N, C-alpha and C. Protein backbone atom coordinates (compact mmCIF):
# COMPACT_ATOMS: atom_id res chain seq x y z
N MET A 1 -58.59 16.91 48.52
CA MET A 1 -58.14 18.17 47.96
C MET A 1 -56.71 18.48 48.45
N LYS A 2 -56.49 18.27 49.75
CA LYS A 2 -55.17 18.54 50.32
C LYS A 2 -54.10 17.67 49.66
N HIS A 3 -54.43 16.40 49.42
CA HIS A 3 -53.49 15.49 48.78
C HIS A 3 -53.22 15.88 47.34
N LEU A 4 -54.24 16.37 46.68
CA LEU A 4 -54.07 16.82 45.30
C LEU A 4 -53.10 18.00 45.26
N PHE A 5 -53.26 18.92 46.21
CA PHE A 5 -52.37 20.09 46.27
C PHE A 5 -50.93 19.65 46.53
N LEU A 6 -50.74 18.75 47.46
CA LEU A 6 -49.39 18.25 47.77
C LEU A 6 -48.78 17.54 46.57
N LEU A 7 -49.58 16.75 45.89
CA LEU A 7 -49.10 16.04 44.72
C LEU A 7 -48.72 17.03 43.61
N LEU A 8 -49.56 18.02 43.40
CA LEU A 8 -49.29 19.05 42.40
C LEU A 8 -48.01 19.81 42.76
N PHE A 9 -47.88 20.17 44.03
CA PHE A 9 -46.68 20.88 44.50
C PHE A 9 -45.44 20.04 44.24
N PHE A 10 -45.52 18.76 44.56
CA PHE A 10 -44.38 17.86 44.38
C PHE A 10 -43.95 17.82 42.91
N PHE A 11 -44.90 17.65 42.00
CA PHE A 11 -44.56 17.53 40.59
C PHE A 11 -44.12 18.85 39.96
N LEU A 12 -44.58 19.95 40.49
CA LEU A 12 -44.18 21.25 39.95
C LEU A 12 -42.87 21.75 40.54
N PHE A 13 -42.68 21.54 41.82
CA PHE A 13 -41.52 22.12 42.50
C PHE A 13 -40.28 21.24 42.39
N ILE A 14 -40.41 19.99 42.63
CA ILE A 14 -39.26 19.08 42.67
C ILE A 14 -38.49 19.06 41.34
N PRO A 15 -39.14 18.98 40.18
CA PRO A 15 -38.35 19.01 38.94
C PRO A 15 -37.56 20.30 38.77
N THR A 16 -38.10 21.41 39.24
CA THR A 16 -37.40 22.69 39.14
C THR A 16 -36.13 22.65 39.96
N VAL A 17 -36.21 22.16 41.18
CA VAL A 17 -35.03 22.07 42.03
C VAL A 17 -34.02 21.12 41.41
N HIS A 18 -34.49 19.98 40.92
CA HIS A 18 -33.58 19.01 40.31
C HIS A 18 -32.91 19.59 39.07
N ALA A 19 -33.69 20.26 38.22
CA ALA A 19 -33.14 20.84 37.00
C ALA A 19 -32.14 21.95 37.32
N ASN A 20 -32.26 22.52 38.50
CA ASN A 20 -31.38 23.60 38.90
C ASN A 20 -29.97 23.11 39.19
N GLY A 21 -29.76 21.82 39.28
CA GLY A 21 -28.49 21.25 39.70
C GLY A 21 -27.23 21.91 39.19
N GLN A 22 -27.23 22.36 37.97
CA GLN A 22 -26.04 22.98 37.40
C GLN A 22 -26.31 24.42 36.94
N TYR A 23 -27.38 25.00 37.39
CA TYR A 23 -27.77 26.33 36.93
C TYR A 23 -26.66 27.35 37.11
N TRP A 24 -26.10 27.43 38.30
CA TRP A 24 -25.08 28.45 38.61
C TRP A 24 -23.78 28.16 37.87
N SER A 25 -23.46 26.88 37.69
CA SER A 25 -22.25 26.53 36.92
C SER A 25 -22.39 26.95 35.47
N HIS A 26 -23.60 26.82 34.92
CA HIS A 26 -23.83 27.27 33.54
C HIS A 26 -23.66 28.78 33.43
N LEU A 27 -24.17 29.50 34.42
CA LEU A 27 -24.00 30.96 34.42
C LEU A 27 -22.52 31.33 34.53
N ALA A 28 -21.81 30.62 35.40
CA ALA A 28 -20.38 30.88 35.56
C ALA A 28 -19.64 30.66 34.24
N THR A 29 -20.02 29.63 33.52
CA THR A 29 -19.40 29.37 32.21
C THR A 29 -19.67 30.53 31.25
N ASP A 30 -20.90 31.03 31.24
CA ASP A 30 -21.24 32.17 30.38
C ASP A 30 -20.44 33.42 30.77
N ILE A 31 -20.35 33.66 32.07
CA ILE A 31 -19.58 34.80 32.56
C ILE A 31 -18.11 34.65 32.15
N ASN A 32 -17.58 33.46 32.36
CA ASN A 32 -16.16 33.22 32.06
C ASN A 32 -15.85 33.34 30.57
N GLN A 33 -16.81 32.97 29.73
CA GLN A 33 -16.61 33.15 28.29
C GLN A 33 -16.52 34.63 27.94
N LEU A 34 -17.36 35.45 28.57
CA LEU A 34 -17.30 36.89 28.32
C LEU A 34 -16.00 37.49 28.86
N ILE A 35 -15.55 37.01 30.00
CA ILE A 35 -14.29 37.50 30.55
C ILE A 35 -13.14 37.14 29.63
N GLN A 36 -13.17 35.93 29.09
CA GLN A 36 -12.13 35.52 28.13
C GLN A 36 -12.20 36.38 26.87
N GLN A 37 -13.40 36.64 26.41
CA GLN A 37 -13.58 37.49 25.24
C GLN A 37 -13.03 38.89 25.50
N ALA A 38 -13.32 39.44 26.66
CA ALA A 38 -12.82 40.77 27.02
C ALA A 38 -11.29 40.78 27.08
N THR A 39 -10.73 39.73 27.62
CA THR A 39 -9.27 39.63 27.71
C THR A 39 -8.65 39.60 26.32
N THR A 40 -9.23 38.81 25.45
CA THR A 40 -8.75 38.74 24.06
C THR A 40 -8.88 40.09 23.38
N GLN A 41 -10.02 40.74 23.57
CA GLN A 41 -10.22 42.07 22.97
C GLN A 41 -9.17 43.05 23.46
N TYR A 42 -8.87 42.98 24.75
CA TYR A 42 -7.87 43.89 25.32
C TYR A 42 -6.48 43.62 24.73
N ILE A 43 -6.11 42.36 24.67
CA ILE A 43 -4.80 41.98 24.13
C ILE A 43 -4.67 42.43 22.68
N GLU A 44 -5.79 42.38 21.94
CA GLU A 44 -5.79 42.80 20.54
C GLU A 44 -5.83 44.32 20.39
N GLY A 45 -5.88 45.04 21.50
CA GLY A 45 -5.85 46.49 21.45
C GLY A 45 -7.20 47.17 21.42
N ASN A 46 -8.26 46.42 21.63
CA ASN A 46 -9.60 46.99 21.60
C ASN A 46 -10.14 47.14 23.02
N SER A 47 -9.57 48.09 23.75
CA SER A 47 -9.94 48.25 25.16
C SER A 47 -11.38 48.74 25.34
N LYS A 48 -11.89 49.51 24.41
CA LYS A 48 -13.27 50.00 24.52
C LYS A 48 -14.26 48.82 24.48
N GLU A 49 -14.05 47.91 23.54
CA GLU A 49 -14.90 46.72 23.44
C GLU A 49 -14.69 45.80 24.64
N ALA A 50 -13.46 45.69 25.11
CA ALA A 50 -13.17 44.85 26.27
C ALA A 50 -13.93 45.35 27.50
N LYS A 51 -13.96 46.65 27.66
CA LYS A 51 -14.68 47.24 28.80
C LYS A 51 -16.18 46.95 28.67
N ARG A 52 -16.73 47.08 27.47
CA ARG A 52 -18.15 46.78 27.25
C ARG A 52 -18.46 45.32 27.58
N THR A 53 -17.55 44.44 27.21
CA THR A 53 -17.76 43.01 27.44
C THR A 53 -17.74 42.69 28.93
N ILE A 54 -16.85 43.33 29.68
CA ILE A 54 -16.82 43.12 31.14
C ILE A 54 -18.11 43.64 31.77
N VAL A 55 -18.57 44.78 31.31
CA VAL A 55 -19.83 45.34 31.82
C VAL A 55 -20.98 44.37 31.53
N LYS A 56 -20.96 43.76 30.35
CA LYS A 56 -21.99 42.78 29.99
C LYS A 56 -21.91 41.54 30.90
N ALA A 57 -20.70 41.09 31.19
CA ALA A 57 -20.53 39.93 32.07
C ALA A 57 -21.08 40.23 33.46
N TYR A 58 -20.80 41.43 33.96
CA TYR A 58 -21.23 41.79 35.30
C TYR A 58 -22.72 42.09 35.36
N PHE A 59 -23.15 43.10 34.60
CA PHE A 59 -24.54 43.53 34.69
C PHE A 59 -25.50 42.59 33.97
N GLY A 60 -25.05 42.02 32.85
CA GLY A 60 -25.93 41.17 32.07
C GLY A 60 -26.15 39.79 32.67
N ILE A 61 -25.11 39.23 33.26
CA ILE A 61 -25.23 37.86 33.77
C ILE A 61 -25.09 37.81 35.29
N PHE A 62 -23.93 38.23 35.80
CA PHE A 62 -23.67 38.11 37.24
C PHE A 62 -24.76 38.77 38.07
N GLU A 63 -25.08 40.00 37.73
CA GLU A 63 -26.13 40.71 38.47
C GLU A 63 -27.50 40.44 37.86
N GLY A 64 -27.58 40.50 36.54
CA GLY A 64 -28.87 40.38 35.86
C GLY A 64 -29.55 39.04 36.03
N LYS A 65 -28.79 37.97 36.11
CA LYS A 65 -29.37 36.63 36.26
C LYS A 65 -29.28 36.15 37.71
N LYS A 66 -29.03 37.09 38.59
CA LYS A 66 -29.13 36.90 40.04
C LYS A 66 -28.08 36.02 40.70
N MET A 67 -26.94 35.83 40.04
CA MET A 67 -25.87 35.09 40.70
C MET A 67 -25.34 35.88 41.88
N GLU A 68 -25.26 37.18 41.72
CA GLU A 68 -24.82 38.04 42.82
C GLU A 68 -25.74 37.86 44.04
N ALA A 69 -27.05 37.89 43.82
CA ALA A 69 -28.01 37.73 44.91
C ALA A 69 -27.87 36.36 45.58
N ALA A 70 -27.68 35.34 44.77
CA ALA A 70 -27.52 33.98 45.32
C ALA A 70 -26.25 33.90 46.16
N MET A 71 -25.18 34.54 45.69
CA MET A 71 -23.93 34.53 46.45
C MET A 71 -24.08 35.29 47.76
N ARG A 72 -24.76 36.42 47.72
CA ARG A 72 -24.98 37.17 48.97
C ARG A 72 -25.72 36.31 49.99
N MET A 73 -26.71 35.59 49.50
CA MET A 73 -27.52 34.75 50.38
C MET A 73 -26.71 33.58 50.95
N GLU A 74 -25.94 32.93 50.09
CA GLU A 74 -25.25 31.70 50.49
C GLU A 74 -23.83 31.93 51.01
N LEU A 75 -23.11 32.88 50.42
CA LEU A 75 -21.70 33.06 50.74
C LEU A 75 -21.41 34.31 51.56
N GLY A 76 -22.41 35.17 51.70
CA GLY A 76 -22.26 36.36 52.53
C GLY A 76 -22.05 37.64 51.74
N ALA A 77 -22.51 38.72 52.30
CA ALA A 77 -22.44 40.03 51.64
C ALA A 77 -21.00 40.54 51.53
N LYS A 78 -20.21 40.36 52.57
CA LYS A 78 -18.83 40.85 52.54
C LYS A 78 -18.02 40.15 51.45
N TYR A 79 -18.17 38.85 51.38
CA TYR A 79 -17.45 38.08 50.37
C TYR A 79 -17.90 38.50 48.97
N THR A 80 -19.20 38.59 48.77
CA THR A 80 -19.73 38.95 47.46
C THR A 80 -19.28 40.34 47.04
N TYR A 81 -19.20 41.24 47.99
CA TYR A 81 -18.70 42.59 47.69
C TYR A 81 -17.27 42.53 47.15
N LEU A 82 -16.45 41.68 47.73
CA LEU A 82 -15.07 41.53 47.25
C LEU A 82 -15.02 40.97 45.83
N VAL A 83 -15.94 40.09 45.52
CA VAL A 83 -16.01 39.55 44.15
C VAL A 83 -16.44 40.66 43.19
N GLU A 84 -17.43 41.44 43.60
CA GLU A 84 -17.87 42.56 42.76
C GLU A 84 -16.72 43.53 42.49
N LYS A 85 -15.89 43.74 43.50
CA LYS A 85 -14.75 44.64 43.34
C LYS A 85 -13.78 44.15 42.28
N LYS A 86 -13.69 42.84 42.10
CA LYS A 86 -12.80 42.29 41.07
C LYS A 86 -13.28 42.70 39.67
N PHE A 87 -14.60 42.63 39.46
CA PHE A 87 -15.15 43.07 38.17
C PHE A 87 -14.86 44.55 37.96
N SER A 88 -15.07 45.34 39.00
CA SER A 88 -14.83 46.78 38.93
C SER A 88 -13.35 47.06 38.65
N MET A 89 -12.48 46.33 39.31
CA MET A 89 -11.05 46.51 39.10
C MET A 89 -10.66 46.20 37.66
N MET A 90 -11.26 45.16 37.10
CA MET A 90 -10.92 44.81 35.72
C MET A 90 -11.33 45.95 34.78
N ARG A 91 -12.51 46.51 34.99
CA ARG A 91 -12.95 47.65 34.17
C ARG A 91 -11.98 48.81 34.29
N LYS A 92 -11.56 49.09 35.52
CA LYS A 92 -10.64 50.21 35.76
C LYS A 92 -9.28 49.96 35.13
N LEU A 93 -8.78 48.75 35.24
CA LEU A 93 -7.48 48.43 34.64
C LEU A 93 -7.52 48.51 33.12
N ILE A 94 -8.63 48.09 32.55
CA ILE A 94 -8.79 48.20 31.10
C ILE A 94 -8.78 49.67 30.69
N THR A 95 -9.49 50.49 31.45
CA THR A 95 -9.54 51.93 31.16
C THR A 95 -8.16 52.56 31.26
N LYS A 96 -7.37 52.12 32.25
CA LYS A 96 -6.02 52.66 32.45
C LYS A 96 -5.03 52.11 31.43
N LYS A 97 -5.45 51.10 30.68
CA LYS A 97 -4.60 50.46 29.67
C LYS A 97 -3.29 49.93 30.26
N VAL A 98 -3.47 49.14 31.30
CA VAL A 98 -2.32 48.53 31.98
C VAL A 98 -1.72 47.41 31.14
N ASN A 99 -0.63 46.87 31.61
CA ASN A 99 0.04 45.76 30.97
C ASN A 99 -0.93 44.58 30.83
N LYS A 100 -0.90 43.91 29.68
CA LYS A 100 -1.83 42.81 29.42
C LYS A 100 -1.72 41.69 30.45
N ASP A 101 -0.53 41.51 31.04
CA ASP A 101 -0.36 40.45 32.04
C ASP A 101 -1.21 40.70 33.28
N GLU A 102 -1.41 41.95 33.65
CA GLU A 102 -2.28 42.28 34.79
C GLU A 102 -3.72 41.91 34.49
N ILE A 103 -4.16 42.20 33.27
CA ILE A 103 -5.53 41.88 32.86
C ILE A 103 -5.71 40.36 32.83
N ILE A 104 -4.75 39.67 32.27
CA ILE A 104 -4.82 38.20 32.19
C ILE A 104 -4.90 37.59 33.59
N ALA A 105 -4.07 38.07 34.52
CA ALA A 105 -4.05 37.53 35.88
C ALA A 105 -5.38 37.79 36.59
N LEU A 106 -5.91 39.01 36.46
CA LEU A 106 -7.19 39.32 37.11
C LEU A 106 -8.33 38.54 36.48
N ALA A 107 -8.31 38.39 35.16
CA ALA A 107 -9.34 37.61 34.47
C ALA A 107 -9.35 36.17 34.98
N LYS A 108 -8.17 35.58 35.10
CA LYS A 108 -8.08 34.20 35.61
C LYS A 108 -8.59 34.10 37.04
N ASP A 109 -8.29 35.11 37.84
CA ASP A 109 -8.77 35.15 39.23
C ASP A 109 -10.29 35.18 39.27
N ILE A 110 -10.89 36.05 38.47
CA ILE A 110 -12.35 36.14 38.44
C ILE A 110 -12.96 34.84 37.93
N GLN A 111 -12.38 34.28 36.88
CA GLN A 111 -12.90 33.03 36.32
C GLN A 111 -12.84 31.89 37.34
N THR A 112 -11.75 31.80 38.06
CA THR A 112 -11.62 30.76 39.10
C THR A 112 -12.67 30.98 40.19
N THR A 113 -12.85 32.23 40.57
CA THR A 113 -13.85 32.56 41.59
C THR A 113 -15.24 32.17 41.13
N MET A 114 -15.58 32.50 39.88
CA MET A 114 -16.91 32.17 39.35
C MET A 114 -17.14 30.66 39.37
N GLU A 115 -16.16 29.90 38.92
CA GLU A 115 -16.28 28.44 38.89
C GLU A 115 -16.48 27.87 40.30
N LYS A 116 -15.63 28.30 41.21
CA LYS A 116 -15.65 27.80 42.59
C LYS A 116 -16.97 28.15 43.28
N ASP A 117 -17.40 29.40 43.12
CA ASP A 117 -18.62 29.84 43.80
C ASP A 117 -19.87 29.21 43.19
N ALA A 118 -19.87 29.01 41.89
CA ALA A 118 -21.01 28.36 41.23
C ALA A 118 -21.19 26.94 41.75
N ILE A 119 -20.08 26.25 41.94
CA ILE A 119 -20.15 24.88 42.49
C ILE A 119 -20.79 24.90 43.87
N LYS A 120 -20.42 25.88 44.68
CA LYS A 120 -21.00 26.00 46.03
C LYS A 120 -22.49 26.29 45.96
N LEU A 121 -22.89 27.17 45.05
CA LEU A 121 -24.32 27.51 44.92
C LEU A 121 -25.13 26.32 44.42
N ASP A 122 -24.57 25.60 43.44
CA ASP A 122 -25.26 24.41 42.94
C ASP A 122 -25.36 23.34 44.04
N ALA A 123 -24.30 23.16 44.81
CA ALA A 123 -24.30 22.16 45.88
C ALA A 123 -25.31 22.51 46.97
N ALA A 124 -25.52 23.81 47.18
CA ALA A 124 -26.48 24.26 48.19
C ALA A 124 -27.91 24.25 47.66
N ASN A 125 -28.06 23.88 46.39
CA ASN A 125 -29.38 23.84 45.74
C ASN A 125 -30.12 25.17 45.82
N ILE A 126 -29.40 26.25 45.60
CA ILE A 126 -30.02 27.57 45.58
C ILE A 126 -30.78 27.70 44.26
N PRO A 127 -32.12 27.71 44.30
CA PRO A 127 -32.88 27.78 43.05
C PRO A 127 -32.91 29.21 42.49
N ALA A 128 -32.74 29.34 41.20
CA ALA A 128 -32.78 30.65 40.54
C ALA A 128 -34.16 31.29 40.70
N GLU A 129 -35.19 30.49 40.79
CA GLU A 129 -36.54 31.00 40.87
C GLU A 129 -36.79 31.85 42.11
N VAL A 130 -36.01 31.65 43.14
CA VAL A 130 -36.17 32.40 44.38
C VAL A 130 -35.97 33.89 44.12
N PHE A 131 -35.15 34.21 43.15
CA PHE A 131 -34.77 35.59 42.91
C PHE A 131 -35.59 36.28 41.83
N LYS A 132 -36.55 35.57 41.25
CA LYS A 132 -37.39 36.19 40.22
C LYS A 132 -38.39 37.14 40.86
N VAL A 133 -38.55 38.26 40.25
CA VAL A 133 -39.51 39.26 40.73
C VAL A 133 -40.81 39.03 39.96
N ASN A 134 -41.91 39.41 40.56
CA ASN A 134 -43.19 39.28 39.85
C ASN A 134 -43.11 40.02 38.53
N GLU A 135 -43.29 39.29 37.45
CA GLU A 135 -43.15 39.89 36.13
C GLU A 135 -44.49 39.98 35.45
């Protein structure tokens, strides 16, 4: 019975960890696509939609799909807080209707951060399942 349990555990758990290999990088790509979309919307003069898109990138993916939680666990709370501030700053700059070059620069900074941090999370094999709540 004990061997059966171990065998079952191996076949159920190991594929999940292996499949997770690029999980965070895929999320980063999704986040970065929304950031690019928001930047384009802003440049085209649609700051209201750009702000909504940034909110979607942050709350819908970064926080909603637990990348923030994974970063806190692996990269530290202080660092993750600074990353969160970048999203907040982008929303604020969009609201203030600053020069498009400021938005472009901040967007690139966030995108680079997402790519770099996702690689670290994937390399550390942080499984997304750890952050799922009983549903």
